[in-house]
Amino acid sequence: MVQAPGVPASGIGELRPAPAGLPDASIAPPVVAESGDPFAALRVTDLVARLERGRPIRLAAIVDRLNAAHVDWLFSERIVGDAILQLAANWAADYRTTGGIVVDEGPLGVTVTVEDSSRVDPWIVRQAHRQADACREALIDFSRRERATGHD
């Protein structure tokens, strides 16, 4: 059988415009941040990169800001603390000093202090790039999975 020009054989073909009033289908479900998740770590690192330098900031305030900035996510103090402790460990490994990102317990509760030096910005940008690369890898891995059954 000969197919008429412009008519798809069995595929979807060209889509028509959405009907007026059709809601956006890209609504995402809420995400509960988890330790070790590069998507959560990237969001934490993005905020830490913007924090005022050289003064202690309450971990609870950092958590509150993350939850306000990412309303489709839920960040807990434990998860944010884990991500910041990982940054502190990375700093210690890279610079052989623990002064870059300091997590401390004090009268205000747990606080985070980011060193006020010119070496912080380029370092934290590299951290964020590594996390973003890990996010992209996770997305590529997800796209390669067998989708019909939802199993690997």
Protein backbone atom coordinates (compact mmCIF):
# COMPACT_ATOMS: atom_id res chain seq x y z
CA MET A 1 0.00 0.00 0.00
CA VAL A 2 1.30 3.42 -0.96
CA GLN A 3 1.21 6.08 1.76
CA ALA A 4 -0.21 9.47 0.78
CA PRO A 5 2.34 12.31 1.01
CA GLY A 6 2.38 14.05 4.40
CA VAL A 7 0.35 11.33 6.13
CA PRO A 8 2.28 9.40 8.80
CA ALA A 9 2.14 5.62 8.44
CA SER A 10 1.57 4.75 12.08
CA GLY A 11 3.36 7.49 14.04
CA ILE A 12 1.88 10.46 15.78
CA GLY A 13 2.87 13.01 13.18
CA GLU A 14 2.49 16.73 13.65
CA LEU A 15 0.70 17.81 16.83
CA ARG A 16 -2.06 20.35 16.75
CA PRO A 17 -2.10 23.35 19.06
CA ALA A 18 -3.36 22.71 22.59
CA PRO A 19 -7.02 23.50 23.16
CA ALA A 20 -7.70 26.78 24.93
CA GLY A 21 -7.54 26.41 28.69
CA LEU A 22 -5.54 23.16 28.72
CA PRO A 23 -3.44 23.24 31.92
CA ASP A 24 0.33 22.87 31.83
CA ALA A 25 1.17 19.15 32.11
CA SER A 26 4.69 19.79 33.41
CA ILE A 27 3.54 20.05 37.01
CA ALA A 28 6.13 18.19 39.05
CA PRO A 29 5.46 16.19 42.19
CA PRO A 30 7.12 17.35 45.38
CA VAL A 31 10.62 16.07 46.01
CA VAL A 32 11.93 15.14 49.43
CA ALA A 33 15.65 15.89 49.46
CA GLU A 34 17.90 12.94 50.27
CA SER A 35 21.52 12.68 51.38
CA GLY A 36 23.86 11.93 48.52
CA ASP A 37 21.40 13.13 45.88
CA PRO A 38 23.26 15.44 43.47
CA PHE A 39 20.07 17.41 42.74
CA ALA A 40 19.64 18.31 46.41
CA ALA A 41 23.37 18.91 46.86
CA LEU A 42 23.42 21.29 43.90
CA ARG A 43 20.58 23.33 45.38
CA VAL A 44 22.37 23.50 48.74
CA THR A 45 25.67 24.47 47.09
CA ASP A 46 23.94 27.16 45.05
CA LEU A 47 22.67 28.75 48.27
CA VAL A 48 25.96 28.31 50.17
CA ALA A 49 27.71 30.09 47.28
CA ARG A 50 25.49 33.12 47.91
CA LEU A 51 25.75 33.25 51.71
CA GLU A 52 27.41 36.18 53.42
CA ARG A 53 31.03 35.31 54.11
CA GLY A 54 32.90 35.35 57.38
CA ARG A 55 29.99 35.16 59.83
CA PRO A 56 28.07 32.25 61.32
CA ILE A 57 24.64 31.61 59.81
CA ARG A 58 22.15 29.29 61.47
CA LEU A 59 21.65 26.00 59.67
CA ALA A 60 17.92 26.35 60.37
CA ALA A 61 17.91 29.65 58.45
CA ILE A 62 19.64 27.98 55.50
CA VAL A 63 17.04 25.19 55.53
CA ASP A 64 14.22 27.75 55.70
CA ARG A 65 15.64 29.67 52.72
CA LEU A 66 16.01 26.48 50.66
CA ASN A 67 12.43 25.47 51.39
CA ALA A 68 11.20 28.96 50.47
CA ALA A 69 13.25 29.09 47.26
CA HIS A 70 12.34 25.57 46.12
CA VAL A 71 8.69 25.18 47.05
CA ASP A 72 8.47 21.86 45.21
CA TRP A 73 11.21 20.41 47.45
CA LEU A 74 11.37 19.57 51.15
CA PHE A 75 14.75 20.05 52.80
CA SER A 76 15.41 18.89 56.37
CA GLU A 77 18.24 20.08 58.61
CA ARG A 78 19.86 16.64 58.47
CA ILE A 79 19.95 16.56 54.67
CA VAL A 80 21.20 20.14 54.34
CA GLY A 81 23.74 19.53 57.09
CA ASP A 82 24.98 16.42 55.27
CA ALA A 83 25.43 18.37 52.04
CA ILE A 84 27.29 21.18 53.82
CA LEU A 85 29.49 18.70 55.71
CA GLN A 86 30.34 17.12 52.35
CA LEU A 87 31.35 20.55 51.06
CA ALA A 88 33.48 21.08 54.19
CA ALA A 89 35.14 17.69 53.65
CA ASN A 90 35.82 18.53 50.00
CA TRP A 91 37.34 21.84 51.07
CA ALA A 92 39.58 20.07 53.59
CA ALA A 93 40.69 17.58 50.92
CA ASP A 94 41.44 20.31 48.38
CA TYR A 95 43.12 22.87 50.68
CA ARG A 96 44.32 20.75 53.62
CA THR A 97 42.59 23.12 56.01
CA THR A 98 39.23 23.05 57.76
CA GLY A 99 38.66 26.82 57.77
CA GLY A 100 36.86 27.14 54.43
CA ILE A 101 33.46 25.92 55.55
CA VAL A 102 33.00 25.59 59.28
CA VAL A 103 30.00 23.83 60.81
CA ASP A 104 29.79 24.56 64.52
CA GLU A 105 27.42 24.09 67.45
CA GLY A 106 26.81 27.22 69.49
CA PRO A 107 24.19 29.18 71.40
CA LEU A 108 22.23 29.71 68.17
CA GLY A 109 22.27 25.99 67.39
CA VAL A 110 24.23 24.63 64.43
CA THR A 111 25.85 27.38 62.37
CA VAL A 112 27.73 27.48 59.08
CA THR A 113 30.52 29.95 58.39
CA VAL A 114 32.00 30.31 54.90
CA GLU A 115 35.52 31.69 54.73
CA ASP A 116 35.76 35.27 53.48
CA SER A 117 38.51 34.86 50.89
CA SER A 118 38.91 35.10 47.13
CA ARG A 119 39.50 31.37 46.80
CA VAL A 120 35.96 30.42 47.87
CA ASP A 121 34.07 31.52 44.73
CA PRO A 122 36.10 29.59 42.14
CA TRP A 123 36.21 26.54 44.42
CA ILE A 124 32.46 26.49 45.08
CA VAL A 125 31.76 26.99 41.36
CA ARG A 126 33.83 23.86 40.66
CA GLN A 127 31.85 21.98 43.32
CA ALA A 128 28.58 23.06 41.71
CA HIS A 129 29.82 22.00 38.26
CA ARG A 130 30.67 18.53 39.60
CA GLN A 131 27.23 18.26 41.15
CA ALA A 132 25.53 19.49 37.96
CA ASP A 133 27.50 16.89 35.98
CA ALA A 134 26.32 14.21 38.42
CA CYS A 135 22.73 15.44 37.91
CA ARG A 136 23.10 15.17 34.14
CA GLU A 137 24.56 11.67 34.49
CA ALA A 138 21.60 10.64 36.67
CA LEU A 139 19.20 11.97 34.03
CA ILE A 140 21.03 10.13 31.26
CA ASP A 141 20.96 6.94 33.32
CA PHE A 142 17.24 7.41 33.92
CA SER A 143 16.56 7.94 30.21
CA ARG A 144 18.37 4.68 29.36
CA ARG A 145 16.24 2.55 31.65
CA GLU A 146 13.56 0.32 30.25
CA ARG A 147 10.44 2.40 30.67
CA ALA A 148 7.76 -0.11 29.80
CA THR A 149 8.15 -2.00 33.07
CA GLY A 150 9.87 0.64 35.18
CA HIS A 151 12.71 -1.80 35.91
CA ASP A 152 16.37 -1.66 34.99
